[in-house]
């Protein structure tokens, strides 16, 4: 398949733009979730190899989990925090100017 024209945001459907925005928000979220792990590893002078040893997994498994392009399971985050001698503190806050489920917006 080839494209004969330029692809720009203006040519995208509203749904395609929403999906791209949601994907970007998800990527930013994954980065924010993984950042404390990296920061604590640096603070403790740990390499990916050393964290993998503490977790009893391969270096590749830790690298894949920490890759910013990959999703990570909550249990993996919990295990990493435990291996670092830390605990998670989670918070949730509403974004400004957004509709909630009670306003007819869908949750995906």
PDB file of N, CA and C in Angstrom:
ATOM      1  N   UNK A   1       0.846  -1.168   0.000  1.00  0.00           N
ATOM      2  CA  UNK A   1       0.000   0.000   0.000  1.00  0.00           C
ATOM      3  C   UNK A   1       0.889   1.227   0.000  1.00  0.00           C
ATOM      4  N   UNK A   2       0.585   2.173  -0.829  1.00  0.00           N
ATOM      5  CA  UNK A   2       1.345   3.416  -0.882  1.00  0.00           C
ATOM      6  C   UNK A   2       0.414   4.593  -0.676  1.00  0.00           C
ATOM      7  N   UNK A   3       0.974   5.676  -0.208  1.00  0.00           N
ATOM      8  CA  UNK A   3       0.225   6.908  -0.012  1.00  0.00           C
ATOM      9  C   UNK A   3       0.683   7.910  -1.051  1.00  0.00           C
ATOM     10  N   UNK A   4      -0.258   8.489  -1.746  1.00  0.00           N
ATOM     11  CA  UNK A   4       0.100   9.448  -2.781  1.00  0.00           C
ATOM     12  C   UNK A   4       0.122  10.883  -2.264  1.00  0.00           C
ATOM     13  N   UNK A   5      -0.476  11.121  -1.123  1.00  0.00           N
ATOM     14  CA  UNK A   5      -0.527  12.482  -0.584  1.00  0.00           C
ATOM     15  C   UNK A   5       0.108  12.542   0.785  1.00  0.00           C
ATOM     16  N   UNK A   6       0.076  13.703   1.366  1.00  0.00           N
ATOM     17  CA  UNK A   6       0.617  13.883   2.715  1.00  0.00           C
ATOM     18  C   UNK A   6      -0.456  13.568   3.737  1.00  0.00           C
ATOM     19  N   UNK A   7      -0.035  12.939   4.806  1.00  0.00           N
ATOM     20  CA  UNK A   7      -0.941  12.640   5.905  1.00  0.00           C
ATOM     21  C   UNK A   7      -0.774  13.743   6.945  1.00  0.00           C
ATOM     22  N   UNK A   8      -1.835  14.412   7.250  1.00  0.00           N
ATOM     23  CA  UNK A   8      -1.760  15.467   8.253  1.00  0.00           C
ATOM     24  C   UNK A   8      -2.937  15.309   9.197  1.00  0.00           C
ATOM     25  N   UNK A   9      -2.837  15.974  10.337  1.00  0.00           N
ATOM     26  CA  UNK A   9      -3.913  15.899  11.322  1.00  0.00           C
ATOM     27  C   UNK A   9      -5.227  16.396  10.738  1.00  0.00           C
ATOM     28  N   UNK A  10      -5.159  17.355   9.839  1.00  0.00           N
ATOM     29  CA  UNK A  10      -6.373  17.905   9.236  1.00  0.00           C
ATOM     30  C   UNK A  10      -7.118  16.862   8.405  1.00  0.00           C
ATOM     31  N   UNK A  11      -6.401  15.868   7.890  1.00  0.00           N
ATOM     32  CA  UNK A  11      -7.040  14.850   7.053  1.00  0.00           C
ATOM     33  C   UNK A  11      -7.592  13.692   7.880  1.00  0.00           C
ATOM     34  N   UNK A  12      -7.298  13.666   9.169  1.00  0.00           N
ATOM     35  CA  UNK A  12      -7.764  12.583  10.028  1.00  0.00           C
ATOM     36  C   UNK A  12      -9.205  12.816  10.458  1.00  0.00           C
ATOM     37  N   UNK A  13      -9.916  11.733  10.650  1.00  0.00           N
ATOM     38  CA  UNK A  13     -11.271  11.842  11.182  1.00  0.00           C
ATOM     39  C   UNK A  13     -11.198  12.241  12.647  1.00  0.00           C
ATOM     40  N   UNK A  14     -12.301  12.702  13.178  1.00  0.00           N
ATOM     41  CA  UNK A  14     -12.356  13.074  14.603  1.00  0.00           C
ATOM     42  C   UNK A  14     -12.032  11.865  15.471  1.00  0.00           C
ATOM     43  N   UNK A  15     -12.533  10.704  15.087  1.00  0.00           N
ATOM     44  CA  UNK A  15     -12.258   9.474  15.862  1.00  0.00           C
ATOM     45  C   UNK A  15     -10.765   9.148  15.835  1.00  0.00           C
ATOM     46  N   UNK A  16     -10.137   9.281  14.685  1.00  0.00           N
ATOM     47  CA  UNK A  16      -8.699   9.011  14.587  1.00  0.00           C
ATOM     48  C   UNK A  16      -7.911   9.980  15.464  1.00  0.00           C
ATOM     49  N   UNK A  17      -8.307  11.240  15.484  1.00  0.00           N
ATOM     50  CA  UNK A  17      -7.634  12.218  16.349  1.00  0.00           C
ATOM     51  C   UNK A  17      -7.814  11.870  17.816  1.00  0.00           C
ATOM     52  N   UNK A  18      -9.023  11.425  18.202  1.00  0.00           N
ATOM     53  CA  UNK A  18      -9.269  11.022  19.594  1.00  0.00           C
ATOM     54  C   UNK A  18      -8.399   9.821  19.967  1.00  0.00           C
ATOM     55  N   UNK A  19      -8.298   8.868  19.059  1.00  0.00           N
ATOM     56  CA  UNK A  19      -7.497   7.676  19.339  1.00  0.00           C
ATOM     57  C   UNK A  19      -6.019   8.028  19.482  1.00  0.00           C
ATOM     58  N   UNK A  20      -5.523   8.923  18.639  1.00  0.00           N
ATOM     59  CA  UNK A  20      -4.132   9.360  18.752  1.00  0.00           C
ATOM     60  C   UNK A  20      -3.893  10.082  20.074  1.00  0.00           C
ATOM     61  N   UNK A  21      -4.813  10.940  20.460  1.00  0.00           N
ATOM     62  CA  UNK A  21      -4.679  11.670  21.727  1.00  0.00           C
ATOM     63  C   UNK A  21      -4.688  10.705  22.903  1.00  0.00           C
ATOM     64  N   UNK A  22      -5.587   9.713  22.855  1.00  0.00           N
ATOM     65  CA  UNK A  22      -5.648   8.728  23.934  1.00  0.00           C
ATOM     66  C   UNK A  22      -4.344   7.933  23.989  1.00  0.00           C
ATOM     67  N   UNK A  23      -3.804   7.549  22.837  1.00  0.00           N
ATOM     68  CA  UNK A  23      -2.531   6.828  22.798  1.00  0.00           C
ATOM     69  C   UNK A  23      -1.404   7.651  23.386  1.00  0.00           C
ATOM     70  N   UNK A  24      -1.398   8.938  23.094  1.00  0.00           N
ATOM     71  CA  UNK A  24      -0.370   9.820  23.656  1.00  0.00           C
ATOM     72  C   UNK A  24      -0.509   9.911  25.171  1.00  0.00           C
ATOM     73  N   UNK A  25      -1.742  10.067  25.647  1.00  0.00           N
ATOM     74  CA  UNK A  25      -1.966  10.139  27.105  1.00  0.00           C
ATOM     75  C   UNK A  25      -1.533   8.844  27.775  1.00  0.00           C
ATOM     76  N   UNK A  26      -1.791   7.708  27.126  1.00  0.00           N
ATOM     77  CA  UNK A  26      -1.381   6.423  27.693  1.00  0.00           C
ATOM     78  C   UNK A  26       0.140   6.314  27.756  1.00  0.00           C
ATOM     79  N   UNK A  27       0.826   6.786  26.709  1.00  0.00           N
ATOM     80  CA  UNK A  27       2.289   6.753  26.695  1.00  0.00           C
ATOM     81  C   UNK A  27       2.867   7.646  27.789  1.00  0.00           C
ATOM     82  N   UNK A  28       2.276   8.828  27.973  1.00  0.00           N
ATOM     83  CA  UNK A  28       2.724   9.739  29.027  1.00  0.00           C
ATOM     84  C   UNK A  28       2.493   9.102  30.397  1.00  0.00           C
ATOM     85  N   UNK A  29       1.360   8.428  30.554  1.00  0.00           N
ATOM     86  CA  UNK A  29       1.051   7.746  31.812  1.00  0.00           C
ATOM     87  C   UNK A  29       2.090   6.654  32.101  1.00  0.00           C
ATOM     88  N   UNK A  30       2.394   5.827  31.099  1.00  0.00           N
ATOM     89  CA  UNK A  30       3.380   4.754  31.294  1.00  0.00           C
ATOM     90  C   UNK A  30       4.735   5.323  31.671  1.00  0.00           C
ATOM     91  N   UNK A  31       5.112   6.422  31.048  1.00  0.00           N
ATOM     92  CA  UNK A  31       6.378   7.060  31.375  1.00  0.00           C
ATOM     93  C   UNK A  31       6.369   7.562  32.822  1.00  0.00           C
ATOM     94  N   UNK A  32       5.257   8.160  33.245  1.00  0.00           N
ATOM     95  CA  UNK A  32       5.148   8.673  34.614  1.00  0.00           C
ATOM     96  C   UNK A  32       5.177   7.545  35.635  1.00  0.00           C
ATOM     97  N   UNK A  33       4.596   6.405  35.291  1.00  0.00           N
ATOM     98  CA  UNK A  33       4.575   5.260  36.205  1.00  0.00           C
ATOM     99  C   UNK A  33       5.972   4.659  36.350  1.00  0.00           C
ATOM    100  N   UNK A  34       6.709   4.614  35.263  1.00  0.00           N
ATOM    101  CA  UNK A  34       8.030   3.972  35.286  1.00  0.00           C
ATOM    102  C   UNK A  34       9.125   4.892  35.809  1.00  0.00           C
ATOM    103  N   UNK A  35       8.931   6.179  35.743  1.00  0.00           N
ATOM    104  CA  UNK A  35       9.952   7.130  36.160  1.00  0.00           C
ATOM    105  C   UNK A  35      10.423   6.933  37.605  1.00  0.00           C
ATOM    106  N   UNK A  36       9.523   6.712  38.575  1.00  0.00           N
ATOM    107  CA  UNK A  36       9.998   6.505  39.945  1.00  0.00           C
ATOM    108  C   UNK A  36      10.887   5.261  40.091  1.00  0.00           C
ATOM    109  N   UNK A  37      10.623   4.237  39.278  1.00  0.00           N
ATOM    110  CA  UNK A  37      11.464   3.041  39.319  1.00  0.00           C
ATOM    111  C   UNK A  37      12.878   3.416  38.888  1.00  0.00           C
ATOM    112  N   UNK A  38      12.988   4.108  37.755  1.00  0.00           N
ATOM    113  CA  UNK A  38      14.304   4.552  37.284  1.00  0.00           C
ATOM    114  C   UNK A  38      14.992   5.433  38.316  1.00  0.00           C
ATOM    115  N   UNK A  39      14.262   6.385  38.878  1.00  0.00           N
ATOM    116  CA  UNK A  39      14.851   7.306  39.845  1.00  0.00           C
ATOM    117  C   UNK A  39      15.389   6.556  41.063  1.00  0.00           C
ATOM    118  N   UNK A  40      14.638   5.580  41.532  1.00  0.00           N
ATOM    119  CA  UNK A  40      15.093   4.822  42.698  1.00  0.00           C
ATOM    120  C   UNK A  40      16.275   3.938  42.349  1.00  0.00           C
ATOM    121  N   UNK A  41      16.281   3.369  41.156  1.00  0.00           N
ATOM    122  CA  UNK A  41      17.436   2.571  40.729  1.00  0.00           C
ATOM    123  C   UNK A  41      18.695   3.437  40.735  1.00  0.00           C
ATOM    124  N   UNK A  42      18.586   4.648  40.191  1.00  0.00           N
ATOM    125  CA  UNK A  42      19.734   5.564  40.168  1.00  0.00           C
ATOM    126  C   UNK A  42      20.155   5.912  41.589  1.00  0.00           C
ATOM    127  N   UNK A  43      19.187   6.229  42.450  1.00  0.00           N
ATOM    128  CA  UNK A  43      19.491   6.596  43.840  1.00  0.00           C
ATOM    129  C   UNK A  43      20.221   5.472  44.573  1.00  0.00           C
ATOM    130  N   UNK A  44      19.881   4.228  44.243  1.00  0.00           N
ATOM    131  CA  UNK A  44      20.521   3.083  44.889  1.00  0.00           C
ATOM    132  C   UNK A  44      21.749   2.588  44.130  1.00  0.00           C
ATOM    133  N   UNK A  45      22.041   3.197  42.989  1.00  0.00           N
ATOM    134  CA  UNK A  45      23.186   2.770  42.192  1.00  0.00           C
ATOM    135  C   UNK A  45      22.979   1.401  41.552  1.00  0.00           C
ATOM    136  N   UNK A  46      21.721   1.071  41.250  1.00  0.00           N
ATOM    137  CA  UNK A  46      21.404  -0.244  40.686  1.00  0.00           C
ATOM    138  C   UNK A  46      21.341  -0.210  39.167  1.00  0.00           C
ATOM    139  N   UNK A  47      21.829  -1.256  38.569  1.00  0.00           N
ATOM    140  CA  UNK A  47      21.685  -1.445  37.134  1.00  0.00           C
ATOM    141  C   UNK A  47      20.467  -2.334  36.883  1.00  0.00           C
ATOM    142  N   UNK A  48      20.078  -2.428  35.634  1.00  0.00           N
ATOM    143  CA  UNK A  48      18.990  -3.331  35.259  1.00  0.00           C
ATOM    144  C   UNK A  48      19.354  -4.758  35.649  1.00  0.00           C
ATOM    145  N   UNK A  49      20.615  -5.116  35.468  1.00  0.00           N
ATOM    146  CA  UNK A  49      21.080  -6.468  35.818  1.00  0.00           C
ATOM    147  C   UNK A  49      20.900  -6.739  37.309  1.00  0.00           C
ATOM    148  N   UNK A  50      21.267  -5.786  38.139  1.00  0.00           N
ATOM    149  CA  UNK A  50      21.137  -5.967  39.595  1.00  0.00           C
ATOM    150  C   UNK A  50      19.672  -6.052  40.019  1.00  0.00           C
ATOM    151  N   UNK A  51      18.816  -5.212  39.421  1.00  0.00           N
ATOM    152  CA  UNK A  51      17.392  -5.291  39.750  1.00  0.00           C
ATOM    153  C   UNK A  51      16.829  -6.637  39.312  1.00  0.00           C
ATOM    154  N   UNK A  52      17.241  -7.107  38.160  1.00  0.00           N
ATOM    155  CA  UNK A  52      16.793  -8.416  37.674  1.00  0.00           C
ATOM    156  C   UNK A  52      17.204  -9.520  38.648  1.00  0.00           C
ATOM    157  N   UNK A  53      18.424  -9.434  39.180  1.00  0.00           N
ATOM    158  CA  UNK A  53      18.879 -10.421  40.161  1.00  0.00           C
ATOM    159  C   UNK A  53      18.005 -10.395  41.412  1.00  0.00           C
ATOM    160  N   UNK A  54      17.685  -9.203  41.879  1.00  0.00           N
ATOM    161  CA  UNK A  54      16.820  -9.089  43.063  1.00  0.00           C
ATOM    162  C   UNK A  54      15.438  -9.676  42.812  1.00  0.00           C
ATOM    163  N   UNK A  55      14.946  -9.512  41.573  1.00  0.00           N
ATOM    164  CA  UNK A  55      13.610 -10.011  41.225  1.00  0.00           C
ATOM    165  C   UNK A  55      13.618 -11.497  40.855  1.00  0.00           C
ATOM    166  N   UNK A  56      14.795 -12.036  40.567  1.00  0.00           N
ATOM    167  CA  UNK A  56      14.884 -13.426  40.140  1.00  0.00           C
ATOM    168  C   UNK A  56      14.406 -13.634  38.712  1.00  0.00           C
ATOM    169  N   UNK A  57      14.600 -12.609  37.870  1.00  0.00           N
ATOM    170  CA  UNK A  57      14.206 -12.687  36.463  1.00  0.00           C
ATOM    171  C   UNK A  57      15.409 -12.296  35.603  1.00  0.00           C
ATOM    172  N   UNK A  58      15.237 -12.374  34.305  1.00  0.00           N
ATOM    173  CA  UNK A  58      16.326 -12.017  33.409  1.00  0.00           C
ATOM    174  C   UNK A  58      16.432 -10.507  33.249  1.00  0.00           C
ATOM    175  N   UNK A  59      17.613 -10.078  32.827  1.00  0.00           N
ATOM    176  CA  UNK A  59      17.841  -8.665  32.524  1.00  0.00           C
ATOM    177  C   UNK A  59      16.891  -8.220  31.420  1.00  0.00           C
ATOM    178  N   UNK A  60      16.656  -9.089  30.448  1.00  0.00           N
ATOM    179  CA  UNK A  60      15.753  -8.764  29.341  1.00  0.00           C
ATOM    180  C   UNK A  60      14.330  -8.516  29.814  1.00  0.00           C
ATOM    181  N   UNK A  61      13.883  -9.287  30.801  1.00  0.00           N
ATOM    182  CA  UNK A  61      12.522  -9.107  31.327  1.00  0.00           C
ATOM    183  C   UNK A  61      12.380  -7.738  31.977  1.00  0.00           C
ATOM    184  N   UNK A  62      13.387  -7.324  32.723  1.00  0.00           N
ATOM    185  CA  UNK A  62      13.346  -6.009  33.367  1.00  0.00           C
ATOM    186  C   UNK A  62      13.429  -4.907  32.310  1.00  0.00           C
ATOM    187  N   UNK A  63      14.293  -5.087  31.335  1.00  0.00           N
ATOM    188  CA  UNK A  63      14.413  -4.095  30.264  1.00  0.00           C
ATOM    189  C   UNK A  63      13.097  -3.927  29.518  1.00  0.00           C
ATOM    190  N   UNK A  64      12.431  -5.043  29.213  1.00  0.00           N
ATOM    191  CA  UNK A  64      11.139  -4.963  28.519  1.00  0.00           C
ATOM    192  C   UNK A  64      10.105  -4.259  29.392  1.00  0.00           C
ATOM    193  N   UNK A  65      10.092  -4.570  30.679  1.00  0.00           N
ATOM    194  CA  UNK A  65       9.116  -3.951  31.583  1.00  0.00           C
ATOM    195  C   UNK A  65       9.340  -2.450  31.691  1.00  0.00           C
ATOM    196  N   UNK A  66      10.596  -2.032  31.676  1.00  0.00           N
ATOM    197  CA  UNK A  66      10.911  -0.615  31.835  1.00  0.00           C
ATOM    198  C   UNK A  66      10.930   0.157  30.518  1.00  0.00           C
ATOM    199  N   UNK A  67      10.821  -0.547  29.414  1.00  0.00           N
ATOM    200  CA  UNK A  67      10.795   0.114  28.110  1.00  0.00           C
ATOM    201  C   UNK A  67       9.604   1.061  28.059  1.00  0.00           C
ATOM    202  N   UNK A  68       9.832   2.329  27.709  1.00  0.00           N
ATOM    203  CA  UNK A  68       8.730   3.292  27.722  1.00  0.00           C
ATOM    204  C   UNK A  68       7.610   2.970  26.735  1.00  0.00           C
ATOM    205  N   UNK A  69       7.888   2.149  25.741  1.00  0.00           N
ATOM    206  CA  UNK A  69       6.870   1.807  24.753  1.00  0.00           C
ATOM    207  C   UNK A  69       6.021   0.602  25.149  1.00  0.00           C
ATOM    208  N   UNK A  70       6.372  -0.053  26.236  1.00  0.00           N
ATOM    209  CA  UNK A  70       5.637  -1.245  26.666  1.00  0.00           C
ATOM    210  C   UNK A  70       4.751  -0.951  27.868  1.00  0.00           C
ATOM    211  N   UNK A  71       3.612  -1.601  27.897  1.00  0.00           N
ATOM    212  CA  UNK A  71       2.755  -1.527  29.080  1.00  0.00           C
ATOM    213  C   UNK A  71       3.390  -2.362  30.179  1.00  0.00           C
ATOM    214  N   UNK A  72       2.985  -2.117  31.393  1.00  0.00           N
ATOM    215  CA  UNK A  72       3.514  -2.866  32.529  1.00  0.00           C
ATOM    216  C   UNK A  72       2.349  -3.234  33.439  1.00  0.00           C
ATOM    217  N   UNK A  73       2.374  -4.433  33.957  1.00  0.00           N
ATOM    218  CA  UNK A  73       1.299  -4.884  34.839  1.00  0.00           C
ATOM    219  C   UNK A  73       1.512  -4.352  36.244  1.00  0.00           C
ATOM    220  N   UNK A  74       0.417  -4.154  36.944  1.00  0.00           N
ATOM    221  CA  UNK A  74       0.485  -3.636  38.311  1.00  0.00           C
ATOM    222  C   UNK A  74       1.304  -4.555  39.216  1.00  0.00           C
ATOM    223  N   UNK A  75       1.164  -5.857  39.057  1.00  0.00           N
ATOM    224  CA  UNK A  75       1.937  -6.785  39.896  1.00  0.00           C
ATOM    225  C   UNK A  75       3.432  -6.676  39.627  1.00  0.00           C
ATOM    226  N   UNK A  76       3.810  -6.373  38.396  1.00  0.00           N
ATOM    227  CA  UNK A  76       5.223  -6.169  38.074  1.00  0.00           C
ATOM    228  C   UNK A  76       5.731  -4.910  38.754  1.00  0.00           C
ATOM    229  N   UNK A  77       4.939  -3.847  38.713  1.00  0.00           N
ATOM    230  CA  UNK A  77       5.313  -2.609  39.414  1.00  0.00           C
ATOM    231  C   UNK A  77       5.466  -2.858  40.909  1.00  0.00           C
ATOM    232  N   UNK A  78       4.532  -3.608  41.469  1.00  0.00           N
ATOM    233  CA  UNK A  78       4.588  -3.928  42.894  1.00  0.00           C
ATOM    234  C   UNK A  78       5.869  -4.700  43.212  1.00  0.00           C
ATOM    235  N   UNK A  79       6.187  -5.705  42.395  1.00  0.00           N
ATOM    236  CA  UNK A  79       7.386  -6.516  42.620  1.00  0.00           C
ATOM    237  C   UNK A  79       8.653  -5.672  42.524  1.00  0.00           C
ATOM    238  N   UNK A  80       8.683  -4.762  41.562  1.00  0.00           N
ATOM    239  CA  UNK A  80       9.858  -3.898  41.424  1.00  0.00           C
ATOM    240  C   UNK A  80      10.004  -2.985  42.631  1.00  0.00           C
ATOM    241  N   UNK A  81       8.907  -2.425  43.092  1.00  0.00           N
ATOM    242  CA  UNK A  81       8.953  -1.565  44.285  1.00  0.00           C
ATOM    243  C   UNK A  81       9.457  -2.355  45.488  1.00  0.00           C
ATOM    244  N   UNK A  82       8.946  -3.556  45.661  1.00  0.00           N
ATOM    245  CA  UNK A  82       9.394  -4.414  46.761  1.00  0.00           C
ATOM    246  C   UNK A  82      10.890  -4.694  46.660  1.00  0.00           C
ATOM    247  N   UNK A  83      11.364  -5.014  45.456  1.00  0.00           N
ATOM    248  CA  UNK A  83      12.779  -5.310  45.249  1.00  0.00           C
ATOM    249  C   UNK A  83      13.658  -4.096  45.531  1.00  0.00           C
ATOM    250  N   UNK A  84      13.086  -2.907  45.384  1.00  0.00           N
ATOM    251  CA  UNK A  84      13.817  -1.673  45.667  1.00  0.00           C
ATOM    252  C   UNK A  84      13.643  -1.209  47.116  1.00  0.00           C
ATOM    253  N   UNK A  85      12.866  -1.958  47.896  1.00  0.00           N
ATOM    254  CA  UNK A  85      12.611  -1.573  49.281  1.00  0.00           C
ATOM    255  C   UNK A  85      11.683  -0.387  49.392  1.00  0.00           C
ATOM    256  N   UNK A  86      10.774  -0.265  48.444  1.00  0.00           N
ATOM    257  CA  UNK A  86       9.858   0.875  48.398  1.00  0.00           C
ATOM    258  C   UNK A  86       8.412   0.402  48.382  1.00  0.00           C
ATOM    259  N   UNK A  87       7.513   1.349  48.526  1.00  0.00           N
ATOM    260  CA  UNK A  87       6.089   1.074  48.383  1.00  0.00           C
ATOM    261  C   UNK A  87       5.492   2.136  47.474  1.00  0.00           C
ATOM    262  N   UNK A  88       4.398   1.797  46.833  1.00  0.00           N
ATOM    263  CA  UNK A  88       3.729   2.726  45.925  1.00  0.00           C
ATOM    264  C   UNK A  88       2.723   3.576  46.674  1.00  0.00           C
ATOM    265  N   UNK A  89       2.604   4.814  46.269  1.00  0.00           N
ATOM    266  CA  UNK A  89       1.534   5.691  46.701  1.00  0.00           C
ATOM    267  C   UNK A  89       0.845   6.145  45.422  1.00  0.00           C
ATOM    268  N   UNK A  90      -0.434   5.867  45.317  1.00  0.00           N
ATOM    269  CA  UNK A  90      -1.173   6.144  44.091  1.00  0.00           C
ATOM    270  C   UNK A  90      -2.220   7.210  44.358  1.00  0.00           C
ATOM    271  N   UNK A  91      -2.389   8.107  43.405  1.00  0.00           N
ATOM    272  CA  UNK A  91      -3.443   9.107  43.528  1.00  0.00           C
ATOM    273  C   UNK A  91      -4.122   9.271  42.178  1.00  0.00           C
ATOM    274  N   UNK A  92      -5.303   9.802  42.227  1.00  0.00           N
ATOM    275  CA  UNK A  92      -6.101  10.040  41.033  1.00  0.00           C
ATOM    276  C   UNK A  92      -6.746  11.406  41.187  1.00  0.00           C
ATOM    277  N   UNK A  93      -6.722  12.188  40.136  1.00  0.00           N
ATOM    278  CA  UNK A  93      -7.392  13.483  40.179  1.00  0.00           C
ATOM    279  C   UNK A  93      -8.047  13.726  38.836  1.00  0.00           C
ATOM    280  N   UNK A  94      -9.108  14.486  38.854  1.00  0.00           N
ATOM    281  CA  UNK A  94      -9.823  14.815  37.618  1.00  0.00           C
ATOM    282  C   UNK A  94      -9.043  15.834  36.816  1.00  0.00           C
ATOM    283  N   UNK A  95      -9.080  15.655  35.508  1.00  0.00           N
ATOM    284  CA  UNK A  95      -8.537  16.678  34.625  1.00  0.00           C
ATOM    285  C   UNK A  95      -9.554  17.804  34.575  1.00  0.00           C
ATOM    286  N   UNK A  96      -9.087  18.975  34.326  1.00  0.00           N
ATOM    287  CA  UNK A  96      -9.992  20.114  34.189  1.00  0.00           C
ATOM    288  C   UNK A  96     -10.683  20.052  32.842  1.00  0.00           C
ATOM    289  N   UNK A  97     -11.916  20.538  32.798  1.00  0.00           N
ATOM    290  CA  UNK A  97     -12.678  20.649  31.554  1.00  0.00           C
ATOM    291  C   UNK A  97     -12.886  19.319  30.844  1.00  0.00           C
ATOM    292  N   UNK A  98     -13.176  18.272  31.597  1.00  0.00           N
ATOM    293  CA  UNK A  98     -13.478  16.986  30.974  1.00  0.00           C
ATOM    294  C   UNK A  98     -14.828  16.504  31.455  1.00  0.00           C
ATOM    295  N   UNK A  99     -15.461  15.706  30.642  1.00  0.00           N
ATOM    296  CA  UNK A  99     -16.740  15.113  31.000  1.00  0.00           C
ATOM    297  C   UNK A  99     -16.500  13.786  31.687  1.00  0.00           C
ATOM    298  N   UNK A 100     -17.285  13.485  32.677  1.00  0.00           N
ATOM    299  CA  UNK A 100     -17.220  12.202  33.344  1.00  0.00           C
ATOM    300  C   UNK A 100     -18.331  11.300  32.860  1.00  0.00           C
ATOM    301  N   UNK A 101     -18.351  10.039  33.304  1.00  0.00           N
ATOM    302  CA  UNK A 101     -19.403   9.116  32.895  1.00  0.00           C
ATOM    303  C   UNK A 101     -20.797   9.628  33.191  1.00  0.00           C
ATOM    304  N   UNK A 102     -20.936  10.398  34.271  1.00  0.00           N
ATOM    305  CA  UNK A 102     -22.262  10.921  34.615  1.00  0.00           C
ATOM    306  C   UNK A 102     -22.725  11.984  33.628  1.00  0.00           C
ATOM    307  N   UNK A 103     -21.765  12.530  32.838  1.00  0.00           N
ATOM    308  CA  UNK A 103     -22.090  13.546  31.850  1.00  0.00           C
ATOM    309  C   UNK A 103     -22.334  12.953  30.452  1.00  0.00           C
ATOM    310  N   UNK A 104     -22.316  11.644  30.379  1.00  0.00           N
ATOM    311  CA  UNK A 104     -22.562  10.990  29.090  1.00  0.00           C
ATOM    312  C   UNK A 104     -21.307  10.615  28.349  1.00  0.00           C
ATOM    313  N   UNK A 105     -20.127  10.821  28.937  1.00  0.00           N
ATOM    314  CA  UNK A 105     -18.897  10.437  28.254  1.00  0.00           C
ATOM    315  C   UNK A 105     -18.651   8.959  28.464  1.00  0.00           C
ATOM    316  N   UNK A 106     -18.053   8.321  27.488  1.00  0.00           N
ATOM    317  CA  UNK A 106     -17.750   6.904  27.618  1.00  0.00           C
ATOM    318  C   UNK A 106     -16.397   6.739  28.263  1.00  0.00           C
ATOM    319  N   UNK A 107     -16.203   5.669  29.009  1.00  0.00           N
ATOM    320  CA  UNK A 107     -14.954   5.357  29.667  1.00  0.00           C
ATOM    321  C   UNK A 107     -14.353   4.169  28.928  1.00  0.00           C
ATOM    322  N   UNK A 108     -13.127   4.365  28.422  1.00  0.00           N
ATOM    323  CA  UNK A 108     -12.454   3.264  27.717  1.00  0.00           C
ATOM    324  C   UNK A 108     -11.109   3.001  28.293  1.00  0.00           C
TER     325      UNK A 108
END
